[in-house]
Structures are given as C-alpha cells and as structure tokens.
C-alpha cells in the first residue's frame, strides 16, 4: 500500500513540546516511520511544509517537502502527488486536516486521521 503522510499533522497529534525543536520532531517522526516500514513493508512518503535542517535522508521512506514553505504547502504537495498517481484509490493519506482530507477523498484516496496513525506507528 502507498501512504502519503502530512508530517507536521502527525507530529502535532501529540503535545510533547515538539514545537520547541521542529527539526528534531521531524527526525523523530522519520525514525518512527522507518521502523514501521521495516516491519510492514509499506511504501511511505512523509511530506513537510519545509525541508528539515539538517536534511533528513532515508533509504527506507521518501522524505519530501513542499516547493515553497508556507501555510498549507504540504497539503498542496500531497494533493499534487495524488493527482500524479495512476491509482489514487490505492493511496492512504494521513492527516487530521479536514480540508486536506476532503481534497484527498475527492481523488479517491483513503484517509486516516493523524492520531490513529500515530497510535499505529507507536504500536509497531
């Protein structure tokens, strides 16, 4: 299965003071995703509003960001990627953003909330 993940939305699903160091929070999420993919074999792309600093590299998942950092830029990038999918109905989008969820469903994608996905990650 293919997953497109609204990275900051998943990070923001836990009030663990992530806002004090957004880049470290991005790195922690990528680490969680890599461990999950190692066990599940899923095809995962996490999309952030801006590139992490320092850059995060992964050989297990795709770490992507919007072309220009701005509000809702990751949402637009996720929708752009969905539009490029040959079979968007086989893509799961992870977000709790209602507008992005509606846009994703309009392409035929399945949507899972960030909080339930975060529980899935933490369960292994």
PDB file of N, CA and C in Angstrom:
ATOM      1  N   UNK A   1       0.840  -1.184   0.000  1.00  0.00           N
ATOM      2  CA  UNK A   1       0.000   0.000   0.000  1.00  0.00           C
ATOM      3  C   UNK A   1       0.883   1.244   0.000  1.00  0.00           C
ATOM      4  N   UNK A   2       0.386   2.286  -0.615  1.00  0.00           N
ATOM      5  CA  UNK A   2       1.113   3.564  -0.701  1.00  0.00           C
ATOM      6  C   UNK A   2       0.521   4.531   0.317  1.00  0.00           C
ATOM      7  N   UNK A   3       1.383   5.226   1.050  1.00  0.00           N
ATOM      8  CA  UNK A   3       0.974   6.181   2.071  1.00  0.00           C
ATOM      9  C   UNK A   3       1.582   7.545   1.767  1.00  0.00           C
ATOM     10  N   UNK A   4       0.768   8.592   1.853  1.00  0.00           N
ATOM     11  CA  UNK A   4       1.231   9.984   1.816  1.00  0.00           C
ATOM     12  C   UNK A   4       0.880  10.586   3.167  1.00  0.00           C
ATOM     13  N   UNK A   5       1.888  11.036   3.887  1.00  0.00           N
ATOM     14  CA  UNK A   5       1.701  11.442   5.276  1.00  0.00           C
ATOM     15  C   UNK A   5       1.967  12.926   5.453  1.00  0.00           C
ATOM     16  N   UNK A   6       0.996  13.611   6.016  1.00  0.00           N
ATOM     17  CA  UNK A   6       1.116  15.018   6.389  1.00  0.00           C
ATOM     18  C   UNK A   6       1.959  15.058   7.671  1.00  0.00           C
ATOM     19  N   UNK A   7       3.269  15.227   7.490  1.00  0.00           N
ATOM     20  CA  UNK A   7       4.216  15.068   8.591  1.00  0.00           C
ATOM     21  C   UNK A   7       3.937  15.917   9.812  1.00  0.00           C
ATOM     22  N   UNK A   8       3.769  17.206   9.632  1.00  0.00           N
ATOM     23  CA  UNK A   8       3.572  18.073  10.798  1.00  0.00           C
ATOM     24  C   UNK A   8       2.229  17.807  11.460  1.00  0.00           C
ATOM     25  N   UNK A   9       1.276  17.319  10.706  1.00  0.00           N
ATOM     26  CA  UNK A   9      -0.019  16.980  11.282  1.00  0.00           C
ATOM     27  C   UNK A   9       0.124  15.785  12.230  1.00  0.00           C
ATOM     28  N   UNK A  10       0.914  14.794  11.836  1.00  0.00           N
ATOM     29  CA  UNK A  10       1.161  13.634  12.703  1.00  0.00           C
ATOM     30  C   UNK A  10       1.979  14.067  13.915  1.00  0.00           C
ATOM     31  N   UNK A  11       2.999  14.867  13.701  1.00  0.00           N
ATOM     32  CA  UNK A  11       3.809  15.365  14.822  1.00  0.00           C
ATOM     33  C   UNK A  11       2.924  16.125  15.803  1.00  0.00           C
ATOM     34  N   UNK A  12       2.052  16.979  15.281  1.00  0.00           N
ATOM     35  CA  UNK A  12       1.189  17.796  16.127  1.00  0.00           C
ATOM     36  C   UNK A  12       0.100  17.024  16.850  1.00  0.00           C
ATOM     37  N   UNK A  13      -0.049  15.745  16.559  1.00  0.00           N
ATOM     38  CA  UNK A  13      -1.086  14.954  17.221  1.00  0.00           C
ATOM     39  C   UNK A  13      -0.711  14.596  18.659  1.00  0.00           C
ATOM     40  N   UNK A  14       0.530  14.871  19.053  1.00  0.00           N
ATOM     41  CA  UNK A  14       0.990  14.632  20.424  1.00  0.00           C
ATOM     42  C   UNK A  14       1.545  15.930  20.999  1.00  0.00           C
ATOM     43  N   UNK A  15       1.001  16.410  22.113  1.00  0.00           N
ATOM     44  CA  UNK A  15       1.530  17.637  22.725  1.00  0.00           C
ATOM     45  C   UNK A  15       2.775  17.335  23.557  1.00  0.00           C
ATOM     46  N   UNK A  16       3.861  16.946  22.890  1.00  0.00           N
ATOM     47  CA  UNK A  16       5.085  16.545  23.591  1.00  0.00           C
ATOM     48  C   UNK A  16       6.179  17.601  23.474  1.00  0.00           C
ATOM     49  N   UNK A  17       5.787  18.853  23.335  1.00  0.00           N
ATOM     50  CA  UNK A  17       6.698  20.003  23.208  1.00  0.00           C
ATOM     51  C   UNK A  17       7.500  19.963  21.913  1.00  0.00           C
ATOM     52  N   UNK A  18       6.949  19.343  20.883  1.00  0.00           N
ATOM     53  CA  UNK A  18       7.608  19.261  19.573  1.00  0.00           C
ATOM     54  C   UNK A  18       7.919  20.638  19.006  1.00  0.00           C
ATOM     55  N   UNK A  19       7.123  21.625  19.358  1.00  0.00           N
ATOM     56  CA  UNK A  19       7.262  22.982  18.815  1.00  0.00           C
ATOM     57  C   UNK A  19       8.554  23.657  19.259  1.00  0.00           C
ATOM     58  N   UNK A  20       9.192  23.133  20.293  1.00  0.00           N
ATOM     59  CA  UNK A  20      10.465  23.718  20.748  1.00  0.00           C
ATOM     60  C   UNK A  20      11.604  23.419  19.783  1.00  0.00           C
ATOM     61  N   UNK A  21      11.488  22.306  19.057  1.00  0.00           N
ATOM     62  CA  UNK A  21      12.522  21.935  18.083  1.00  0.00           C
ATOM     63  C   UNK A  21      11.844  21.138  16.966  1.00  0.00           C
ATOM     64  N   UNK A  22      11.306  21.858  16.000  1.00  0.00           N
ATOM     65  CA  UNK A  22      10.567  21.223  14.906  1.00  0.00           C
ATOM     66  C   UNK A  22      11.432  20.251  14.106  1.00  0.00           C
ATOM     67  N   UNK A  23      12.688  20.612  13.894  1.00  0.00           N
ATOM     68  CA  UNK A  23      13.564  19.746  13.101  1.00  0.00           C
ATOM     69  C   UNK A  23      13.810  18.415  13.818  1.00  0.00           C
ATOM     70  N   UNK A  24      14.013  18.463  15.126  1.00  0.00           N
ATOM     71  CA  UNK A  24      14.189  17.225  15.887  1.00  0.00           C
ATOM     72  C   UNK A  24      12.897  16.400  15.855  1.00  0.00           C
ATOM     73  N   UNK A  25      11.755  17.071  15.915  1.00  0.00           N
ATOM     74  CA  UNK A  25      10.471  16.361  15.842  1.00  0.00           C
ATOM     75  C   UNK A  25      10.312  15.677  14.480  1.00  0.00           C
ATOM     76  N   UNK A  26      10.746  16.340  13.420  1.00  0.00           N
ATOM     77  CA  UNK A  26      10.690  15.731  12.081  1.00  0.00           C
ATOM     78  C   UNK A  26      11.585  14.488  12.043  1.00  0.00           C
ATOM     79  N   UNK A  27      12.783  14.594  12.604  1.00  0.00           N
ATOM     80  CA  UNK A  27      13.708  13.452  12.616  1.00  0.00           C
ATOM     81  C   UNK A  27      13.121  12.293  13.415  1.00  0.00           C
ATOM     82  N   UNK A  28      12.469  12.588  14.551  1.00  0.00           N
ATOM     83  CA  UNK A  28      11.845  11.515  15.350  1.00  0.00           C
ATOM     84  C   UNK A  28      10.729  10.833  14.563  1.00  0.00           C
ATOM     85  N   UNK A  29       9.922  11.618  13.838  1.00  0.00           N
ATOM     86  CA  UNK A  29       8.849  11.019  13.048  1.00  0.00           C
ATOM     87  C   UNK A  29       9.428  10.134  11.942  1.00  0.00           C
ATOM     88  N   UNK A  30      10.449  10.608  11.261  1.00  0.00           N
ATOM     89  CA  UNK A  30      11.057   9.798  10.202  1.00  0.00           C
ATOM     90  C   UNK A  30      11.585   8.489  10.793  1.00  0.00           C
ATOM     91  N   UNK A  31      12.199   8.563  11.960  1.00  0.00           N
ATOM     92  CA  UNK A  31      12.696   7.348  12.621  1.00  0.00           C
ATOM     93  C   UNK A  31      11.551   6.374  12.906  1.00  0.00           C
ATOM     94  N   UNK A  32      10.447   6.886  13.447  1.00  0.00           N
ATOM     95  CA  UNK A  32       9.266   6.036  13.706  1.00  0.00           C
ATOM     96  C   UNK A  32       8.756   5.408  12.415  1.00  0.00           C
ATOM     97  N   UNK A  33       8.684   6.210  11.364  1.00  0.00           N
ATOM     98  CA  UNK A  33       8.201   5.710  10.077  1.00  0.00           C
ATOM     99  C   UNK A  33       9.132   4.643   9.513  1.00  0.00           C
ATOM    100  N   UNK A  34      10.428   4.864   9.624  1.00  0.00           N
ATOM    101  CA  UNK A  34      11.382   3.872   9.120  1.00  0.00           C
ATOM    102  C   UNK A  34      11.222   2.543   9.847  1.00  0.00           C
ATOM    103  N   UNK A  35      11.067   2.599  11.167  1.00  0.00           N
ATOM    104  CA  UNK A  35      10.895   1.362  11.933  1.00  0.00           C
ATOM    105  C   UNK A  35       9.593   0.666  11.558  1.00  0.00           C
ATOM    106  N   UNK A  36       8.534   1.446  11.342  1.00  0.00           N
ATOM    107  CA  UNK A  36       7.243   0.872  10.952  1.00  0.00           C
ATOM    108  C   UNK A  36       7.340   0.206   9.583  1.00  0.00           C
ATOM    109  N   UNK A  37       7.969   0.886   8.630  1.00  0.00           N
ATOM    110  CA  UNK A  37       8.105   0.350   7.277  1.00  0.00           C
ATOM    111  C   UNK A  37       8.972  -0.913   7.276  1.00  0.00           C
ATOM    112  N   UNK A  38      10.006  -0.941   8.120  1.00  0.00           N
ATOM    113  CA  UNK A  38      10.865  -2.123   8.190  1.00  0.00           C
ATOM    114  C   UNK A  38      10.057  -3.367   8.553  1.00  0.00           C
ATOM    115  N   UNK A  39       9.026  -3.184   9.378  1.00  0.00           N
ATOM    116  CA  UNK A  39       8.192  -4.314   9.776  1.00  0.00           C
ATOM    117  C   UNK A  39       7.007  -4.561   8.872  1.00  0.00           C
ATOM    118  N   UNK A  40       6.549  -3.528   8.192  1.00  0.00           N
ATOM    119  CA  UNK A  40       5.301  -3.644   7.411  1.00  0.00           C
ATOM    120  C   UNK A  40       5.532  -3.739   5.903  1.00  0.00           C
ATOM    121  N   UNK A  41       6.658  -3.189   5.439  1.00  0.00           N
ATOM    122  CA  UNK A  41       6.933  -3.190   4.007  1.00  0.00           C
ATOM    123  C   UNK A  41       6.122  -2.184   3.213  1.00  0.00           C
ATOM    124  N   UNK A  42       5.465  -1.247   3.882  1.00  0.00           N
ATOM    125  CA  UNK A  42       4.641  -0.247   3.201  1.00  0.00           C
ATOM    126  C   UNK A  42       5.510   0.738   2.415  1.00  0.00           C
ATOM    127  N   UNK A  43       4.901   1.413   1.444  1.00  0.00           N
ATOM    128  CA  UNK A  43       5.537   2.437   0.615  1.00  0.00           C
ATOM    129  C   UNK A  43       5.111   3.788   1.185  1.00  0.00           C
ATOM    130  N   UNK A  44       6.033   4.504   1.817  1.00  0.00           N
ATOM    131  CA  UNK A  44       5.694   5.707   2.580  1.00  0.00           C
ATOM    132  C   UNK A  44       6.436   6.928   2.073  1.00  0.00           C
ATOM    133  N   UNK A  45       5.674   8.011   1.926  1.00  0.00           N
ATOM    134  CA  UNK A  45       6.240   9.342   1.702  1.00  0.00           C
ATOM    135  C   UNK A  45       5.695  10.245   2.795  1.00  0.00           C
ATOM    136  N   UNK A  46       6.588  10.901   3.521  1.00  0.00           N
ATOM    137  CA  UNK A  46       6.183  11.892   4.505  1.00  0.00           C
ATOM    138  C   UNK A  46       6.472  13.261   3.898  1.00  0.00           C
ATOM    139  N   UNK A  47       5.499  14.154   3.979  1.00  0.00           N
ATOM    140  CA  UNK A  47       5.622  15.478   3.376  1.00  0.00           C
ATOM    141  C   UNK A  47       5.596  16.534   4.479  1.00  0.00           C
ATOM    142  N   UNK A  48       6.603  17.397   4.469  1.00  0.00           N
ATOM    143  CA  UNK A  48       6.697  18.503   5.421  1.00  0.00           C
ATOM    144  C   UNK A  48       6.484  19.826   4.679  1.00  0.00           C
ATOM    145  N   UNK A  49       6.153  20.878   5.426  1.00  0.00           N
ATOM    146  CA  UNK A  49       5.960  22.218   4.852  1.00  0.00           C
ATOM    147  C   UNK A  49       7.267  22.780   4.293  1.00  0.00           C
ATOM    148  N   UNK A  50       8.364  22.422   4.953  1.00  0.00           N
ATOM    149  CA  UNK A  50       9.674  22.942   4.579  1.00  0.00           C
ATOM    150  C   UNK A  50      10.705  21.837   4.778  1.00  0.00           C
ATOM    151  N   UNK A  51      11.867  21.985   4.144  1.00  0.00           N
ATOM    152  CA  UNK A  51      12.894  20.965   4.342  1.00  0.00           C
ATOM    153  C   UNK A  51      13.440  21.012   5.766  1.00  0.00           C
ATOM    154  N   UNK A  52      13.652  19.855   6.388  1.00  0.00           N
ATOM    155  CA  UNK A  52      14.257  19.836   7.716  1.00  0.00           C
ATOM    156  C   UNK A  52      15.712  20.306   7.648  1.00  0.00           C
ATOM    157  N   UNK A  53      16.189  20.842   8.751  1.00  0.00           N
ATOM    158  CA  UNK A  53      17.574  21.295   8.818  1.00  0.00           C
ATOM    159  C   UNK A  53      18.206  20.705  10.078  1.00  0.00           C
ATOM    160  N   UNK A  54      19.227  19.887   9.929  1.00  0.00           N
ATOM    161  CA  UNK A  54      19.835  19.454   8.684  1.00  0.00           C
ATOM    162  C   UNK A  54      18.896  18.529   7.913  1.00  0.00           C
ATOM    163  N   UNK A  55      19.187  18.340   6.622  1.00  0.00           N
ATOM    164  CA  UNK A  55      18.329  17.464   5.819  1.00  0.00           C
ATOM    165  C   UNK A  55      18.254  16.057   6.413  1.00  0.00           C
ATOM    166  N   UNK A  56      17.096  15.449   6.272  1.00  0.00           N
ATOM    167  CA  UNK A  56      16.907  14.075   6.736  1.00  0.00           C
ATOM    168  C   UNK A  56      16.929  13.175   5.514  1.00  0.00           C
ATOM    169  N   UNK A  57      17.809  12.214   5.542  1.00  0.00           N
ATOM    170  CA  UNK A  57      17.922  11.241   4.449  1.00  0.00           C
ATOM    171  C   UNK A  57      17.415   9.899   4.946  1.00  0.00           C
ATOM    172  N   UNK A  58      16.787   9.163   4.064  1.00  0.00           N
ATOM    173  CA  UNK A  58      16.308   7.829   4.406  1.00  0.00           C
ATOM    174  C   UNK A  58      16.402   6.938   3.181  1.00  0.00           C
ATOM    175  N   UNK A  59      16.800   5.710   3.398  1.00  0.00           N
ATOM    176  CA  UNK A  59      16.800   4.729   2.315  1.00  0.00           C
ATOM    177  C   UNK A  59      15.543   3.867   2.397  1.00  0.00           C
ATOM    178  N   UNK A  60      14.702   4.133   3.397  1.00  0.00           N
ATOM    179  CA  UNK A  60      13.523   3.305   3.656  1.00  0.00           C
ATOM    180  C   UNK A  60      12.229   3.997   3.228  1.00  0.00           C
ATOM    181  N   UNK A  61      12.152   5.305   3.467  1.00  0.00           N
ATOM    182  CA  UNK A  61      10.964   6.084   3.098  1.00  0.00           C
ATOM    183  C   UNK A  61      11.404   7.299   2.300  1.00  0.00           C
ATOM    184  N   UNK A  62      10.439   7.946   1.643  1.00  0.00           N
ATOM    185  CA  UNK A  62      10.742   9.206   0.966  1.00  0.00           C
ATOM    186  C   UNK A  62      10.407  10.349   1.922  1.00  0.00           C
ATOM    187  N   UNK A  63      11.373  11.228   2.125  1.00  0.00           N
ATOM    188  CA  UNK A  63      11.177  12.428   2.933  1.00  0.00           C
ATOM    189  C   UNK A  63      11.070  13.582   1.951  1.00  0.00           C
ATOM    190  N   UNK A  64       9.884  14.179   1.878  1.00  0.00           N
ATOM    191  CA  UNK A  64       9.619  15.227   0.893  1.00  0.00           C
ATOM    192  C   UNK A  64       9.172  16.509   1.599  1.00  0.00           C
ATOM    193  N   UNK A  65       9.157  17.575   0.851  1.00  0.00           N
ATOM    194  CA  UNK A  65       8.659  18.845   1.383  1.00  0.00           C
ATOM    195  C   UNK A  65       8.051  19.636   0.235  1.00  0.00           C
ATOM    196  N   UNK A  66       7.265  20.607   0.608  1.00  0.00           N
ATOM    197  CA  UNK A  66       6.640  21.482  -0.384  1.00  0.00           C
ATOM    198  C   UNK A  66       7.720  22.311  -1.079  1.00  0.00           C
ATOM    199  N   UNK A  67       7.467  22.716  -2.329  1.00  0.00           N
ATOM    200  CA  UNK A  67       8.465  23.506  -3.059  1.00  0.00           C
ATOM    201  C   UNK A  67       8.779  24.847  -2.399  1.00  0.00           C
ATOM    202  N   UNK A  68       7.754  25.464  -1.781  1.00  0.00           N
ATOM    203  CA  UNK A  68       7.948  26.737  -1.081  1.00  0.00           C
ATOM    204  C   UNK A  68       7.255  26.648   0.272  1.00  0.00           C
ATOM    205  N   UNK A  69       7.987  26.926   1.364  1.00  0.00           N
ATOM    206  CA  UNK A  69       7.351  26.861   2.676  1.00  0.00           C
ATOM    207  C   UNK A  69       6.301  27.956   2.846  1.00  0.00           C
ATOM    208  N   UNK A  70       5.105  27.556   3.206  1.00  0.00           N
ATOM    209  CA  UNK A  70       4.010  28.484   3.509  1.00  0.00           C
ATOM    210  C   UNK A  70       2.888  27.663   4.126  1.00  0.00           C
ATOM    211  N   UNK A  71       1.911  28.337   4.663  1.00  0.00           N
ATOM    212  CA  UNK A  71       0.777  27.633   5.266  1.00  0.00           C
ATOM    213  C   UNK A  71       0.115  26.726   4.231  1.00  0.00           C
ATOM    214  N   UNK A  72      -0.188  25.530   4.618  1.00  0.00           N
ATOM    215  CA  UNK A  72      -0.885  24.525   3.790  1.00  0.00           C
ATOM    216  C   UNK A  72      -0.077  24.051   2.586  1.00  0.00           C
ATOM    217  N   UNK A  73       1.205  24.381   2.543  1.00  0.00           N
ATOM    218  CA  UNK A  73       2.022  23.966   1.398  1.00  0.00           C
ATOM    219  C   UNK A  73       2.168  22.449   1.329  1.00  0.00           C
ATOM    220  N   UNK A  74       2.292  21.792   2.478  1.00  0.00           N
ATOM    221  CA  UNK A  74       2.393  20.324   2.468  1.00  0.00           C
ATOM    222  C   UNK A  74       1.093  19.720   1.959  1.00  0.00           C
ATOM    223  N   UNK A  75      -0.040  20.315   2.330  1.00  0.00           N
ATOM    224  CA  UNK A  75      -1.342  19.829   1.847  1.00  0.00           C
ATOM    225  C   UNK A  75      -1.393  19.888   0.318  1.00  0.00           C
ATOM    226  N   UNK A  76      -0.976  21.017  -0.225  1.00  0.00           N
ATOM    227  CA  UNK A  76      -0.979  21.176  -1.685  1.00  0.00           C
ATOM    228  C   UNK A  76      -0.045  20.173  -2.350  1.00  0.00           C
ATOM    229  N   UNK A  77       1.103  19.911  -1.725  1.00  0.00           N
ATOM    230  CA  UNK A  77       2.056  18.949  -2.279  1.00  0.00           C
ATOM    231  C   UNK A  77       1.466  17.530  -2.246  1.00  0.00           C
ATOM    232  N   UNK A  78       0.775  17.190  -1.183  1.00  0.00           N
ATOM    233  CA  UNK A  78       0.135  15.869  -1.092  1.00  0.00           C
ATOM    234  C   UNK A  78      -0.916  15.725  -2.182  1.00  0.00           C
ATOM    235  N   UNK A  79      -1.733  16.746  -2.378  1.00  0.00           N
ATOM    236  CA  UNK A  79      -2.763  16.693  -3.426  1.00  0.00           C
ATOM    237  C   UNK A  79      -2.121  16.625  -4.806  1.00  0.00           C
ATOM    238  N   UNK A  80      -1.022  17.349  -5.017  1.00  0.00           N
ATOM    239  CA  UNK A  80      -0.309  17.280  -6.292  1.00  0.00           C
ATOM    240  C   UNK A  80       0.187  15.861  -6.547  1.00  0.00           C
ATOM    241  N   UNK A  81       0.736  15.232  -5.524  1.00  0.00           N
ATOM    242  CA  UNK A  81       1.223  13.865  -5.659  1.00  0.00           C
ATOM    243  C   UNK A  81       0.072  12.890  -5.911  1.00  0.00           C
ATOM    244  N   UNK A  82      -1.045  13.105  -5.260  1.00  0.00           N
ATOM    245  CA  UNK A  82      -2.224  12.261  -5.504  1.00  0.00           C
ATOM    246  C   UNK A  82      -2.680  12.368  -6.951  1.00  0.00           C
ATOM    247  N   UNK A  83      -2.675  13.573  -7.486  1.00  0.00           N
ATOM    248  CA  UNK A  83      -3.102  13.784  -8.869  1.00  0.00           C
ATOM    249  C   UNK A  83      -2.187  13.055  -9.849  1.00  0.00           C
ATOM    250  N   UNK A  84      -0.933  12.837  -9.458  1.00  0.00           N
ATOM    251  CA  UNK A  84       0.022  12.150 -10.328  1.00  0.00           C
ATOM    252  C   UNK A  84      -0.042  10.624 -10.198  1.00  0.00           C
ATOM    253  N   UNK A  85      -0.789  10.138  -9.226  1.00  0.00           N
ATOM    254  CA  UNK A  85      -0.905   8.694  -9.001  1.00  0.00           C
ATOM    255  C   UNK A  85      -1.772   8.045 -10.074  1.00  0.00           C
ATOM    256  N   UNK A  86      -1.326   6.916 -10.565  1.00  0.00           N
ATOM    257  CA  UNK A  86      -2.121   6.174 -11.549  1.00  0.00           C
ATOM    258  C   UNK A  86      -3.386   5.598 -10.917  1.00  0.00           C
ATOM    259  N   UNK A  87      -3.295   5.192  -9.651  1.00  0.00           N
ATOM    260  CA  UNK A  87      -4.438   4.610  -8.945  1.00  0.00           C
ATOM    261  C   UNK A  87      -4.579   5.249  -7.569  1.00  0.00           C
ATOM    262  N   UNK A  88      -5.101   6.465  -7.506  1.00  0.00           N
ATOM    263  CA  UNK A  88      -5.195   7.149  -6.211  1.00  0.00           C
ATOM    264  C   UNK A  88      -6.058   6.409  -5.190  1.00  0.00           C
ATOM    265  N   UNK A  89      -6.942   5.546  -5.635  1.00  0.00           N
ATOM    266  CA  UNK A  89      -7.772   4.782  -4.695  1.00  0.00           C
ATOM    267  C   UNK A  89      -6.938   3.780  -3.895  1.00  0.00           C
ATOM    268  N   UNK A  90      -5.708   3.546  -4.316  1.00  0.00           N
ATOM    269  CA  UNK A  90      -4.827   2.638  -3.587  1.00  0.00           C
ATOM    270  C   UNK A  90      -3.838   3.393  -2.703  1.00  0.00           C
ATOM    271  N   UNK A  91      -4.104   4.680  -2.505  1.00  0.00           N
ATOM    272  CA  UNK A  91      -3.246   5.522  -1.673  1.00  0.00           C
ATOM    273  C   UNK A  91      -4.006   5.888  -0.400  1.00  0.00           C
ATOM    274  N   UNK A  92      -3.285   5.809   0.725  1.00  0.00           N
ATOM    275  CA  UNK A  92      -3.825   6.263   2.002  1.00  0.00           C
ATOM    276  C   UNK A  92      -3.148   7.580   2.341  1.00  0.00           C
ATOM    277  N   UNK A  93      -3.943   8.579   2.682  1.00  0.00           N
ATOM    278  CA  UNK A  93      -3.421   9.878   3.102  1.00  0.00           C
ATOM    279  C   UNK A  93      -3.643   9.987   4.606  1.00  0.00           C
ATOM    280  N   UNK A  94      -2.594  10.370   5.314  1.00  0.00           N
ATOM    281  CA  UNK A  94      -2.687  10.529   6.761  1.00  0.00           C
ATOM    282  C   UNK A  94      -2.717  12.012   7.083  1.00  0.00           C
ATOM    283  N   UNK A  95      -3.830  12.449   7.662  1.00  0.00           N
ATOM    284  CA  UNK A  95      -3.995  13.842   8.074  1.00  0.00           C
ATOM    285  C   UNK A  95      -5.216  13.951   8.973  1.00  0.00           C
ATOM    286  N   UNK A  96      -5.230  14.982   9.789  1.00  0.00           N
ATOM    287  CA  UNK A  96      -6.437  15.321  10.532  1.00  0.00           C
ATOM    288  C   UNK A  96      -6.979  16.662  10.062  1.00  0.00           C
ATOM    289  N   UNK A  97      -6.383  17.182   9.014  1.00  0.00           N
ATOM    290  CA  UNK A  97      -6.815  18.442   8.417  1.00  0.00           C
ATOM    291  C   UNK A  97      -8.045  18.158   7.556  1.00  0.00           C
ATOM    292  N   UNK A  98      -9.169  18.687   7.944  1.00  0.00           N
ATOM    293  CA  UNK A  98     -10.432  18.385   7.260  1.00  0.00           C
ATOM    294  C   UNK A  98     -10.396  18.762   5.778  1.00  0.00           C
ATOM    295  N   UNK A  99      -9.845  19.917   5.469  1.00  0.00           N
ATOM    296  CA  UNK A  99      -9.799  20.360   4.068  1.00  0.00           C
ATOM    297  C   UNK A  99      -8.934  19.419   3.224  1.00  0.00           C
ATOM    298  N   UNK A 100      -7.753  19.052   3.741  1.00  0.00           N
ATOM    299  CA  UNK A 100      -6.908  18.108   3.012  1.00  0.00           C
ATOM    300  C   UNK A 100      -7.603  16.756   2.897  1.00  0.00           C
ATOM    301  N   UNK A 101      -8.244  16.309   3.946  1.00  0.00           N
ATOM    302  CA  UNK A 101      -8.955  15.027   3.899  1.00  0.00           C
ATOM    303  C   UNK A 101     -10.027  15.049   2.812  1.00  0.00           C
ATOM    304  N   UNK A 102     -10.775  16.136   2.730  1.00  0.00           N
ATOM    305  CA  UNK A 102     -11.812  16.253   1.696  1.00  0.00           C
ATOM    306  C   UNK A 102     -11.195  16.247   0.299  1.00  0.00           C
ATOM    307  N   UNK A 103     -10.094  16.979   0.137  1.00  0.00           N
ATOM    308  CA  UNK A 103      -9.430  17.028  -1.167  1.00  0.00           C
ATOM    309  C   UNK A 103      -8.890  15.648  -1.552  1.00  0.00           C
ATOM    310  N   UNK A 104      -8.342  14.928  -0.576  1.00  0.00           N
ATOM    311  CA  UNK A 104      -7.803  13.589  -0.847  1.00  0.00           C
ATOM    312  C   UNK A 104      -8.918  12.614  -1.208  1.00  0.00           C
ATOM    313  N   UNK A 105      -9.998  12.653  -0.458  1.00  0.00           N
ATOM    314  CA  UNK A 105     -11.128  11.758  -0.757  1.00  0.00           C
ATOM    315  C   UNK A 105     -11.710  12.039  -2.140  1.00  0.00           C
ATOM    316  N   UNK A 106     -11.680  13.300  -2.556  1.00  0.00           N
ATOM    317  CA  UNK A 106     -12.207  13.660  -3.875  1.00  0.00           C
ATOM    318  C   UNK A 106     -11.409  12.995  -5.007  1.00  0.00           C
ATOM    319  N   UNK A 107     -10.159  12.634  -4.748  1.00  0.00           N
ATOM    320  CA  UNK A 107      -9.354  11.935  -5.758  1.00  0.00           C
ATOM    321  C   UNK A 107      -9.582  10.431  -5.712  1.00  0.00           C
ATOM    322  N   UNK A 108     -10.264   9.965  -4.656  1.00  0.00           N
ATOM    323  CA  UNK A 108     -10.485   8.540  -4.481  1.00  0.00           C
ATOM    324  C   UNK A 108      -9.604   7.915  -3.414  1.00  0.00           C
ATOM    325  N   UNK A 109      -8.693   8.699  -2.833  1.00  0.00           N
ATOM    326  CA  UNK A 109      -7.789   8.181  -1.810  1.00  0.00           C
ATOM    327  C   UNK A 109      -8.546   7.875  -0.517  1.00  0.00           C
ATOM    328  N   UNK A 110      -7.966   7.014   0.285  1.00  0.00           N
ATOM    329  CA  UNK A 110      -8.475   6.694   1.618  1.00  0.00           C
ATOM    330  C   UNK A 110      -7.770   7.625   2.591  1.00  0.00           C
ATOM    331  N   UNK A 111      -8.464   8.080   3.632  1.00  0.00           N
ATOM    332  CA  UNK A 111      -7.873   8.993   4.615  1.00  0.00           C
ATOM    333  C   UNK A 111      -7.904   8.350   5.989  1.00  0.00           C
ATOM    334  N   UNK A 112      -6.781   8.448   6.686  1.00  0.00           N
ATOM    335  CA  UNK A 112      -6.704   8.024   8.090  1.00  0.00           C
ATOM    336  C   UNK A 112      -6.278   9.226   8.914  1.00  0.00           C
ATOM    337  N   UNK A 113      -6.893   9.406  10.065  1.00  0.00           N
ATOM    338  CA  UNK A 113      -6.554  10.504  10.953  1.00  0.00           C
ATOM    339  C   UNK A 113      -5.147  10.387  11.507  1.00  0.00           C
ATOM    340  N   UNK A 114      -4.528  11.525  11.765  1.00  0.00           N
ATOM    341  CA  UNK A 114      -3.156  11.557  12.258  1.00  0.00           C
ATOM    342  C   UNK A 114      -3.016  10.859  13.599  1.00  0.00           C
ATOM    343  N   UNK A 115      -3.983  11.034  14.484  1.00  0.00           N
ATOM    344  CA  UNK A 115      -3.882  10.434  15.811  1.00  0.00           C
ATOM    345  C   UNK A 115      -3.949   8.910  15.743  1.00  0.00           C
ATOM    346  N   UNK A 116      -4.886   8.374  14.970  1.00  0.00           N
ATOM    347  CA  UNK A 116      -4.971   6.909  14.877  1.00  0.00           C
ATOM    348  C   UNK A 116      -3.737   6.341  14.171  1.00  0.00           C
ATOM    349  N   UNK A 117      -3.201   7.070  13.191  1.00  0.00           N
ATOM    350  CA  UNK A 117      -1.988   6.614  12.524  1.00  0.00           C
ATOM    351  C   UNK A 117      -0.810   6.636  13.484  1.00  0.00           C
ATOM    352  N   UNK A 118      -0.727   7.677  14.302  1.00  0.00           N
ATOM    353  CA  UNK A 118       0.358   7.769  15.293  1.00  0.00           C
ATOM    354  C   UNK A 118       0.309   6.597  16.262  1.00  0.00           C
ATOM    355  N   UNK A 119      -0.898   6.208  16.667  1.00  0.00           N
ATOM    356  CA  UNK A 119      -1.046   5.018  17.530  1.00  0.00           C
ATOM    357  C   UNK A 119      -0.551   3.778  16.804  1.00  0.00           C
ATOM    358  N   UNK A 120      -0.860   3.677  15.525  1.00  0.00           N
ATOM    359  CA  UNK A 120      -0.396   2.541  14.709  1.00  0.00           C
ATOM    360  C   UNK A 120       1.144   2.500  14.703  1.00  0.00           C
ATOM    361  N   UNK A 121       1.775   3.651  14.505  1.00  0.00           N
ATOM    362  CA  UNK A 121       3.237   3.714  14.485  1.00  0.00           C
ATOM    363  C   UNK A 121       3.832   3.292  15.823  1.00  0.00           C
ATOM    364  N   UNK A 122       3.268   3.833  16.884  1.00  0.00           N
ATOM    365  CA  UNK A 122       3.816   3.569  18.210  1.00  0.00           C
ATOM    366  C   UNK A 122       3.582   2.132  18.657  1.00  0.00           C
ATOM    367  N   UNK A 123       2.560   1.488  18.095  1.00  0.00           N
ATOM    368  CA  UNK A 123       2.313   0.080  18.430  1.00  0.00           C
ATOM    369  C   UNK A 123       3.291  -0.834  17.714  1.00  0.00           C
ATOM    370  N   UNK A 124       3.921  -0.302  16.665  1.00  0.00           N
ATOM    371  CA  UNK A 124       4.903  -1.091  15.930  1.00  0.00           C
ATOM    372  C   UNK A 124       4.294  -1.695  14.757  1.00  0.00           C
TER     373      UNK A 124
END
